Amino acid sequence: MKILLVEDDKTIASGLEYSLQNDGYETILCHHYEAAKQVINEKLEDIDLCLFDLSLPDGSGYDLCAFVKKRSDKPVIFLTAFDDEVNVVMGLDMGADDYITKPFRIRELLSRIKSVLRRYNRQVQSQPKNTIEIKNIGINTLEGKVYKNGEEVLVTALEYRLLLIFANHIGQVLTRSQLLERIWDVAGDFVNDNTLTVYIKRLREKLEDNPQKPRIIKTVRGRGYKVGD
């Protein structure tokens, strides 16, 4: 389990990091809002829980919580000074899962973390699997919609079908022949090798942060394409 810890007090942060690692968690530690925002942008799919101090020198835990929840439903716990406790309701309203006031006992914090993670695991197990997540891309198979960082991306029917093929074969290398076999349009529209190239290019332009260096739809030289590891 990996926890993103954002705490500007370096003494508190160091103690928390040590205790979390001692309890078996991996940690990513940030002391500032901007550093945390960069980690969220680049590594949110690898993070299991976020632990945010409310008051940061260059921003707030509220804004970080909103930033996370817009991209993925990851659990968030606030660390707050006693005087901030009445304001934490605002954070709970925007999707935070729990909060703990300073000073706190480390065993209490670890207990809260385990409780929130258990609750999330139960929710994930009980929810119908109608959403596929690939890094910062979400595919809602019930609605037939695609999202990037929480914002809907408009794709054509064939682009959606191609993306769904990749999503259903995460980590597998698919040859161009296999993709052409699966994407054949039942309506009778002809899909040839050149058309496939065009659709992959269009999907990359819509989904990748840098289409010239794709991180989602990757080319496996001499073999085909792969999504995920």
C-alpha atoms as a PDB file:
ATOM      1  CA  MET A   1       0.000   0.000   0.000  1.00  0.00           C
ATOM      2  CA  LYS A   2       1.351   3.427  -0.955  1.00  0.00           C
ATOM      3  CA  ILE A   3       0.474   6.639   0.921  1.00  0.00           C
ATOM      4  CA  LEU A   4       1.010  10.208  -0.278  1.00  0.00           C
ATOM      5  CA  LEU A   5       1.905  12.241   2.831  1.00  0.00           C
ATOM      6  CA  VAL A   6       1.812  16.035   2.553  1.00  0.00           C
ATOM      7  CA  GLU A   7       3.011  17.823   5.705  1.00  0.00           C
ATOM      8  CA  ASP A   8       5.027  21.058   5.831  1.00  0.00           C
ATOM      9  CA  ASP A   9       6.345  20.555   9.382  1.00  0.00           C
ATOM     10  CA  LYS A  10       9.469  18.501   8.687  1.00  0.00           C
ATOM     11  CA  THR A  11       9.730  17.121  12.216  1.00  0.00           C
ATOM     12  CA  ILE A  12       6.134  15.838  12.170  1.00  0.00           C
ATOM     13  CA  ALA A  13       6.548  14.593   8.590  1.00  0.00           C
ATOM     14  CA  SER A  14       9.693  12.654   9.444  1.00  0.00           C
ATOM     15  CA  GLY A  15       8.021  10.954  12.422  1.00  0.00           C
ATOM     16  CA  LEU A  16       4.917  10.107  10.404  1.00  0.00           C
ATOM     17  CA  GLU A  17       6.940   8.723   7.527  1.00  0.00           C
ATOM     18  CA  TYR A  18       8.962   6.510   9.877  1.00  0.00           C
ATOM     19  CA  SER A  19       5.806   5.191  11.604  1.00  0.00           C
ATOM     20  CA  LEU A  20       3.979   4.521   8.338  1.00  0.00           C
ATOM     21  CA  GLN A  21       6.931   2.664   6.851  1.00  0.00           C
ATOM     22  CA  ASN A  22       7.328   0.711  10.101  1.00  0.00           C
ATOM     23  CA  ASP A  23       3.702  -0.394   9.690  1.00  0.00           C
ATOM     24  CA  GLY A  24       4.396  -1.703   6.188  1.00  0.00           C
ATOM     25  CA  TYR A  25       3.295   1.242   4.017  1.00  0.00           C
ATOM     26  CA  GLU A  26       5.301   2.784   1.203  1.00  0.00           C
ATOM     27  CA  THR A  27       5.320   6.576   1.406  1.00  0.00           C
ATOM     28  CA  ILE A  28       5.742   9.531  -0.906  1.00  0.00           C
ATOM     29  CA  LEU A  29       6.510  12.622   1.185  1.00  0.00           C
ATOM     30  CA  CYS A  30       5.901  16.211   0.068  1.00  0.00           C
ATOM     31  CA  HIS A  31       6.290  19.396   2.121  1.00  0.00           C
ATOM     32  CA  HIS A  32       4.568  21.774  -0.299  1.00  0.00           C
ATOM     33  CA  TYR A  33       1.340  22.035  -2.297  1.00  0.00           C
ATOM     34  CA  GLU A  34       3.043  22.344  -5.695  1.00  0.00           C
ATOM     35  CA  ALA A  35       5.270  19.303  -5.114  1.00  0.00           C
ATOM     36  CA  ALA A  36       2.218  17.260  -4.077  1.00  0.00           C
ATOM     37  CA  LYS A  37       0.273  18.440  -7.124  1.00  0.00           C
ATOM     38  CA  GLN A  38       3.066  17.228  -9.390  1.00  0.00           C
ATOM     39  CA  VAL A  39       3.079  13.795  -7.704  1.00  0.00           C
ATOM     40  CA  ILE A  40      -0.714  13.576  -8.083  1.00  0.00           C
ATOM     41  CA  ASN A  41      -0.429  14.426 -11.767  1.00  0.00           C
ATOM     42  CA  GLU A  42       2.260  11.815 -12.409  1.00  0.00           C
ATOM     43  CA  LYS A  43       1.614   8.973  -9.941  1.00  0.00           C
ATOM     44  CA  LEU A  44      -1.978   9.054  -8.690  1.00  0.00           C
ATOM     45  CA  GLU A  45      -2.774   5.620 -10.122  1.00  0.00           C
ATOM     46  CA  ASP A  46      -0.079   4.106  -7.849  1.00  0.00           C
ATOM     47  CA  ILE A  47      -1.321   5.810  -4.655  1.00  0.00           C
ATOM     48  CA  ASP A  48      -3.743   4.001  -2.316  1.00  0.00           C
ATOM     49  CA  LEU A  49      -4.441   6.804   0.199  1.00  0.00           C
ATOM     50  CA  CYS A  50      -3.640  10.502   0.652  1.00  0.00           C
ATOM     51  CA  LEU A  51      -2.776  12.086   4.002  1.00  0.00           C
ATOM     52  CA  PHE A  52      -2.987  15.896   3.711  1.00  0.00           C
ATOM     53  CA  ASP A  53      -2.117  18.610   6.206  1.00  0.00           C
ATOM     54  CA  LEU A  54      -4.779  21.317   5.835  1.00  0.00           C
ATOM     55  CA  SER A  55      -2.426  24.307   6.116  1.00  0.00           C
ATOM     56  CA  LEU A  56       0.485  24.393   3.682  1.00  0.00           C
ATOM     57  CA  PRO A  57       2.821  27.320   2.936  1.00  0.00           C
ATOM     58  CA  ASP A  58       1.800  27.548  -0.737  1.00  0.00           C
ATOM     59  CA  GLY A  59      -1.742  26.159  -0.724  1.00  0.00           C
ATOM     60  CA  SER A  60      -4.183  24.065   1.243  1.00  0.00           C
ATOM     61  CA  GLY A  61      -5.175  20.450   1.820  1.00  0.00           C
ATOM     62  CA  TYR A  62      -8.691  21.383   0.662  1.00  0.00           C
ATOM     63  CA  ASP A  63      -7.384  22.213  -2.810  1.00  0.00           C
ATOM     64  CA  LEU A  64      -5.280  19.046  -2.943  1.00  0.00           C
ATOM     65  CA  CYS A  65      -8.324  16.982  -1.960  1.00  0.00           C
ATOM     66  CA  ALA A  66     -10.390  18.567  -4.752  1.00  0.00           C
ATOM     67  CA  PHE A  67      -7.503  17.995  -7.179  1.00  0.00           C
ATOM     68  CA  VAL A  68      -7.361  14.291  -6.283  1.00  0.00           C
ATOM     69  CA  LYS A  69     -11.120  13.672  -6.267  1.00  0.00           C
ATOM     70  CA  LYS A  70     -11.498  15.270  -9.694  1.00  0.00           C
ATOM     71  CA  ARG A  71      -9.124  12.656 -11.096  1.00  0.00           C
ATOM     72  CA  SER A  72      -9.888   9.515  -9.106  1.00  0.00           C
ATOM     73  CA  ASP A  73     -11.845   8.353  -6.078  1.00  0.00           C
ATOM     74  CA  LYS A  74      -8.807   7.847  -3.856  1.00  0.00           C
ATOM     75  CA  PRO A  75      -9.309   8.018  -0.066  1.00  0.00           C
ATOM     76  CA  VAL A  76      -8.183  11.237   1.635  1.00  0.00           C
ATOM     77  CA  ILE A  77      -7.561  11.869   5.345  1.00  0.00           C
ATOM     78  CA  PHE A  78      -6.888  15.381   6.674  1.00  0.00           C
ATOM     79  CA  LEU A  79      -4.370  16.255   9.374  1.00  0.00           C
ATOM     80  CA  THR A  80      -5.630  19.409  11.089  1.00  0.00           C
ATOM     81  CA  ALA A  81      -4.758  21.655  14.024  1.00  0.00           C
ATOM     82  CA  PHE A  82      -7.381  21.723  16.773  1.00  0.00           C
ATOM     83  CA  ASP A  83      -8.431  25.279  15.805  1.00  0.00           C
ATOM     84  CA  ASP A  84      -9.187  24.108  12.261  1.00  0.00           C
ATOM     85  CA  GLU A  85     -11.507  21.318  13.350  1.00  0.00           C
ATOM     86  CA  VAL A  86     -14.725  23.264  12.760  1.00  0.00           C
ATOM     87  CA  ASN A  87     -13.561  24.043   9.211  1.00  0.00           C
ATOM     88  CA  VAL A  88     -12.854  20.440   8.324  1.00  0.00           C
ATOM     89  CA  VAL A  89     -16.559  19.936   7.541  1.00  0.00           C
ATOM     90  CA  MET A  90     -15.894  21.783   4.303  1.00  0.00           C
ATOM     91  CA  GLY A  91     -13.267  19.175   3.449  1.00  0.00           C
ATOM     92  CA  LEU A  92     -15.620  16.312   4.226  1.00  0.00           C
ATOM     93  CA  ASP A  93     -18.242  17.914   2.004  1.00  0.00           C
ATOM     94  CA  MET A  94     -15.792  17.958  -0.901  1.00  0.00           C
ATOM     95  CA  GLY A  95     -15.092  14.238  -0.568  1.00  0.00           C
ATOM     96  CA  ALA A  96     -12.490  13.740   2.195  1.00  0.00           C
ATOM     97  CA  ASP A  97     -12.985  10.479   4.077  1.00  0.00           C
ATOM     98  CA  ASP A  98     -11.778  11.318   7.575  1.00  0.00           C
ATOM     99  CA  TYR A  99      -9.701  13.752   9.614  1.00  0.00           C
ATOM    100  CA  ILE A 100      -7.565  13.642  12.720  1.00  0.00           C
ATOM    101  CA  THR A 101      -6.580  16.575  14.898  1.00  0.00           C
ATOM    102  CA  LYS A 102      -3.045  17.413  16.048  1.00  0.00           C
ATOM    103  CA  PRO A 103      -1.546  16.389  18.345  1.00  0.00           C
ATOM    104  CA  PHE A 104      -2.593  12.786  17.773  1.00  0.00           C
ATOM    105  CA  ARG A 105      -1.350   9.352  18.777  1.00  0.00           C
ATOM    106  CA  ILE A 106       0.238   7.464  15.924  1.00  0.00           C
ATOM    107  CA  ARG A 107      -1.692   4.280  16.727  1.00  0.00           C
ATOM    108  CA  GLU A 108      -4.952   6.209  16.349  1.00  0.00           C
ATOM    109  CA  LEU A 109      -3.863   7.531  12.952  1.00  0.00           C
ATOM    110  CA  LEU A 110      -2.847   4.050  11.773  1.00  0.00           C
ATOM    111  CA  SER A 111      -6.209   2.717  12.942  1.00  0.00           C
ATOM    112  CA  ARG A 112      -8.049   5.450  10.984  1.00  0.00           C
ATOM    113  CA  ILE A 113      -6.009   4.669   7.871  1.00  0.00           C
ATOM    114  CA  LYS A 114      -6.820   0.944   8.082  1.00  0.00           C
ATOM    115  CA  SER A 115     -10.509   1.716   8.647  1.00  0.00           C
ATOM    116  CA  VAL A 116     -10.735   3.989   5.593  1.00  0.00           C
ATOM    117  CA  LEU A 117      -8.867   1.494   3.389  1.00  0.00           C
ATOM    118  CA  ARG A 118     -11.147  -1.357   4.516  1.00  0.00           C
ATOM    119  CA  ARG A 119     -14.215   0.745   3.716  1.00  0.00           C
ATOM    120  CA  TYR A 120     -12.855   1.538   0.256  1.00  0.00           C
ATOM    121  CA  ASN A 121     -12.007  -2.087  -0.445  1.00  0.00           C
ATOM    122  CA  ARG A 122     -15.549  -3.135   0.477  1.00  0.00           C
ATOM    123  CA  GLN A 123     -16.992  -0.458  -1.810  1.00  0.00           C
ATOM    124  CA  VAL A 124     -14.781  -1.542  -4.710  1.00  0.00           C
ATOM    125  CA  GLN A 125     -15.747  -5.197  -4.250  1.00  0.00           C
ATOM    126  CA  SER A 126     -19.474  -4.415  -4.070  1.00  0.00           C
ATOM    127  CA  GLN A 127     -19.600  -1.999  -7.004  1.00  0.00           C
ATOM    128  CA  PRO A 128     -20.382  -3.264 -10.508  1.00  0.00           C
ATOM    129  CA  LYS A 129     -17.283  -3.197 -12.710  1.00  0.00           C
ATOM    130  CA  ASN A 130     -18.560  -0.557 -15.112  1.00  0.00           C
ATOM    131  CA  THR A 131     -15.490   1.684 -15.070  1.00  0.00           C
ATOM    132  CA  ILE A 132     -12.072   0.811 -16.442  1.00  0.00           C
ATOM    133  CA  GLU A 133      -9.167   3.011 -15.341  1.00  0.00           C
ATOM    134  CA  ILE A 134      -5.919   3.302 -17.284  1.00  0.00           C
ATOM    135  CA  LYS A 135      -3.587   5.833 -15.636  1.00  0.00           C
ATOM    136  CA  ASN A 136      -5.550   9.127 -15.791  1.00  0.00           C
ATOM    137  CA  ILE A 137      -8.084   7.775 -18.308  1.00  0.00           C
ATOM    138  CA  GLY A 138     -11.472   6.406 -17.250  1.00  0.00           C
ATOM    139  CA  ILE A 139     -13.820   4.425 -19.488  1.00  0.00           C
ATOM    140  CA  ASN A 140     -17.427   4.173 -18.321  1.00  0.00           C
ATOM    141  CA  THR A 141     -18.715   1.127 -20.161  1.00  0.00           C
ATOM    142  CA  LEU A 142     -22.347   1.695 -19.117  1.00  0.00           C
ATOM    143  CA  GLU A 143     -22.426   5.233 -20.495  1.00  0.00           C
ATOM    144  CA  GLY A 144     -19.994   4.550 -23.345  1.00  0.00           C
ATOM    145  CA  LYS A 145     -17.986   7.612 -22.328  1.00  0.00           C
ATOM    146  CA  VAL A 146     -14.275   8.328 -21.930  1.00  0.00           C
ATOM    147  CA  TYR A 147     -12.742  10.682 -19.356  1.00  0.00           C
ATOM    148  CA  LYS A 148      -9.292  12.205 -18.977  1.00  0.00           C
ATOM    149  CA  ASN A 149      -8.482  13.659 -15.549  1.00  0.00           C
ATOM    150  CA  GLY A 150     -12.210  13.588 -14.801  1.00  0.00           C
ATOM    151  CA  GLU A 151     -13.148  15.602 -17.918  1.00  0.00           C
ATOM    152  CA  GLU A 152     -15.108  13.912 -20.701  1.00  0.00           C
ATOM    153  CA  VAL A 153     -13.216  13.318 -23.942  1.00  0.00           C
ATOM    154  CA  LEU A 154     -15.335  13.095 -27.098  1.00  0.00           C
ATOM    155  CA  VAL A 155     -14.462  10.035 -29.172  1.00  0.00           C
ATOM    156  CA  THR A 156     -16.083   8.485 -32.227  1.00  0.00           C
ATOM    157  CA  ALA A 157     -17.715   5.052 -32.130  1.00  0.00           C
ATOM    158  CA  LEU A 158     -14.696   3.405 -33.792  1.00  0.00           C
ATOM    159  CA  GLU A 159     -12.228   5.218 -31.523  1.00  0.00           C
ATOM    160  CA  TYR A 160     -14.228   4.038 -28.509  1.00  0.00           C
ATOM    161  CA  ARG A 161     -14.308   0.463 -29.794  1.00  0.00           C
ATOM    162  CA  LEU A 162     -10.537   0.499 -30.376  1.00  0.00           C
ATOM    163  CA  LEU A 163      -9.881   1.886 -26.891  1.00  0.00           C
ATOM    164  CA  LEU A 164     -12.156  -0.765 -25.377  1.00  0.00           C
ATOM    165  CA  ILE A 165     -10.198  -3.498 -27.150  1.00  0.00           C
ATOM    166  CA  PHE A 166      -7.000  -2.218 -25.531  1.00  0.00           C
ATOM    167  CA  ALA A 167      -8.742  -1.836 -22.153  1.00  0.00           C
ATOM    168  CA  ASN A 168      -9.913  -5.451 -22.250  1.00  0.00           C
ATOM    169  CA  HIS A 169      -6.363  -6.663 -22.942  1.00  0.00           C
ATOM    170  CA  ILE A 170      -4.347  -4.666 -20.391  1.00  0.00           C
ATOM    171  CA  GLY A 171      -0.663  -5.606 -20.493  1.00  0.00           C
ATOM    172  CA  GLN A 172      -0.994  -7.677 -23.659  1.00  0.00           C
ATOM    173  CA  VAL A 173       0.758  -6.857 -26.923  1.00  0.00           C
ATOM    174  CA  LEU A 174      -1.841  -6.738 -29.715  1.00  0.00           C
ATOM    175  CA  THR A 175      -0.673  -7.025 -33.315  1.00  0.00           C
ATOM    176  CA  ARG A 176      -2.171  -4.860 -36.034  1.00  0.00           C
ATOM    177  CA  SER A 177      -3.848  -7.992 -37.484  1.00  0.00           C
ATOM    178  CA  GLN A 178      -5.480  -8.777 -34.126  1.00  0.00           C
ATOM    179  CA  LEU A 179      -6.724  -5.197 -33.798  1.00  0.00           C
ATOM    180  CA  LEU A 180      -8.121  -5.191 -37.339  1.00  0.00           C
ATOM    181  CA  GLU A 181      -9.909  -8.479 -36.654  1.00  0.00           C
ATOM    182  CA  ARG A 182     -11.568  -7.091 -33.521  1.00  0.00           C
ATOM    183  CA  ILE A 183     -12.376  -3.575 -34.756  1.00  0.00           C
ATOM    184  CA  TRP A 184     -14.118  -4.689 -37.969  1.00  0.00           C
ATOM    185  CA  ASP A 185     -17.211  -2.515 -38.226  1.00  0.00           C
ATOM    186  CA  VAL A 186     -20.414  -4.548 -38.042  1.00  0.00           C
ATOM    187  CA  ALA A 187     -22.163  -1.702 -39.878  1.00  0.00           C
ATOM    188  CA  GLY A 188     -20.052  -2.555 -42.906  1.00  0.00           C
ATOM    189  CA  ASP A 189     -17.563   0.331 -42.776  1.00  0.00           C
ATOM    190  CA  PHE A 190     -14.259  -0.897 -44.149  1.00  0.00           C
ATOM    191  CA  VAL A 191     -11.339  -0.689 -41.699  1.00  0.00           C
ATOM    192  CA  ASN A 192      -7.945  -1.261 -43.288  1.00  0.00           C
ATOM    193  CA  ASP A 193      -4.369  -0.973 -42.061  1.00  0.00           C
ATOM    194  CA  ASN A 194      -4.109   2.725 -42.913  1.00  0.00           C
ATOM    195  CA  THR A 195      -7.406   3.484 -41.164  1.00  0.00           C
ATOM    196  CA  LEU A 196      -6.110   1.735 -38.032  1.00  0.00           C
ATOM    197  CA  THR A 197      -3.021   3.967 -38.043  1.00  0.00           C
ATOM    198  CA  VAL A 198      -5.243   7.050 -38.273  1.00  0.00           C
ATOM    199  CA  TYR A 199      -7.454   5.942 -35.357  1.00  0.00           C
ATOM    200  CA  ILE A 200      -4.505   5.164 -33.106  1.00  0.00           C
ATOM    201  CA  LYS A 201      -3.044   8.584 -33.927  1.00  0.00           C
ATOM    202  CA  ARG A 202      -6.372  10.290 -33.118  1.00  0.00           C
ATOM    203  CA  LEU A 203      -6.747   8.420 -29.831  1.00  0.00           C
ATOM    204  CA  ARG A 204      -3.231   9.423 -28.793  1.00  0.00           C
ATOM    205  CA  GLU A 205      -3.952  13.058 -29.627  1.00  0.00           C
ATOM    206  CA  LYS A 206      -7.048  12.952 -27.397  1.00  0.00           C
ATOM    207  CA  LEU A 207      -5.704  10.880 -24.490  1.00  0.00           C
ATOM    208  CA  GLU A 208      -1.953  11.361 -24.230  1.00  0.00           C
ATOM    209  CA  ASP A 209      -0.349  14.339 -22.483  1.00  0.00           C
ATOM    210  CA  ASN A 210       2.356  14.158 -25.150  1.00  0.00           C
ATOM    211  CA  PRO A 211       1.179  12.202 -28.234  1.00  0.00           C
ATOM    212  CA  GLN A 212       4.781  12.096 -29.534  1.00  0.00           C
ATOM    213  CA  LYS A 213       5.839  10.172 -26.395  1.00  0.00           C
ATOM    214  CA  PRO A 214       2.773   8.046 -25.599  1.00  0.00           C
ATOM    215  CA  ARG A 215       2.437   6.575 -22.082  1.00  0.00           C
ATOM    216  CA  ILE A 216      -0.996   4.981 -22.574  1.00  0.00           C
ATOM    217  CA  ILE A 217      -1.067   3.420 -26.052  1.00  0.00           C
ATOM    218  CA  LYS A 218       2.547   2.303 -26.429  1.00  0.00           C
ATOM    219  CA  THR A 219       4.169   0.973 -29.588  1.00  0.00           C
ATOM    220  CA  VAL A 220       6.018  -2.316 -29.166  1.00  0.00           C
ATOM    221  CA  ARG A 221       8.503  -2.174 -32.017  1.00  0.00           C
ATOM    222  CA  GLY A 222       8.058  -4.933 -34.587  1.00  0.00           C
ATOM    223  CA  ARG A 223       5.115  -6.477 -32.712  1.00  0.00           C
ATOM    224  CA  GLY A 224       2.183  -4.064 -32.288  1.00  0.00           C
ATOM    225  CA  TYR A 225       0.714  -2.006 -29.447  1.00  0.00           C
ATOM    226  CA  LYS A 226       0.236  -2.378 -25.714  1.00  0.00           C
ATOM    227  CA  VAL A 227      -1.791  -0.577 -23.040  1.00  0.00           C
ATOM    228  CA  GLY A 228      -0.771  -1.023 -19.392  1.00  0.00           C
ATOM    229  CA  ASP A 229       1.909  -3.235 -17.843  1.00  0.00           C
END
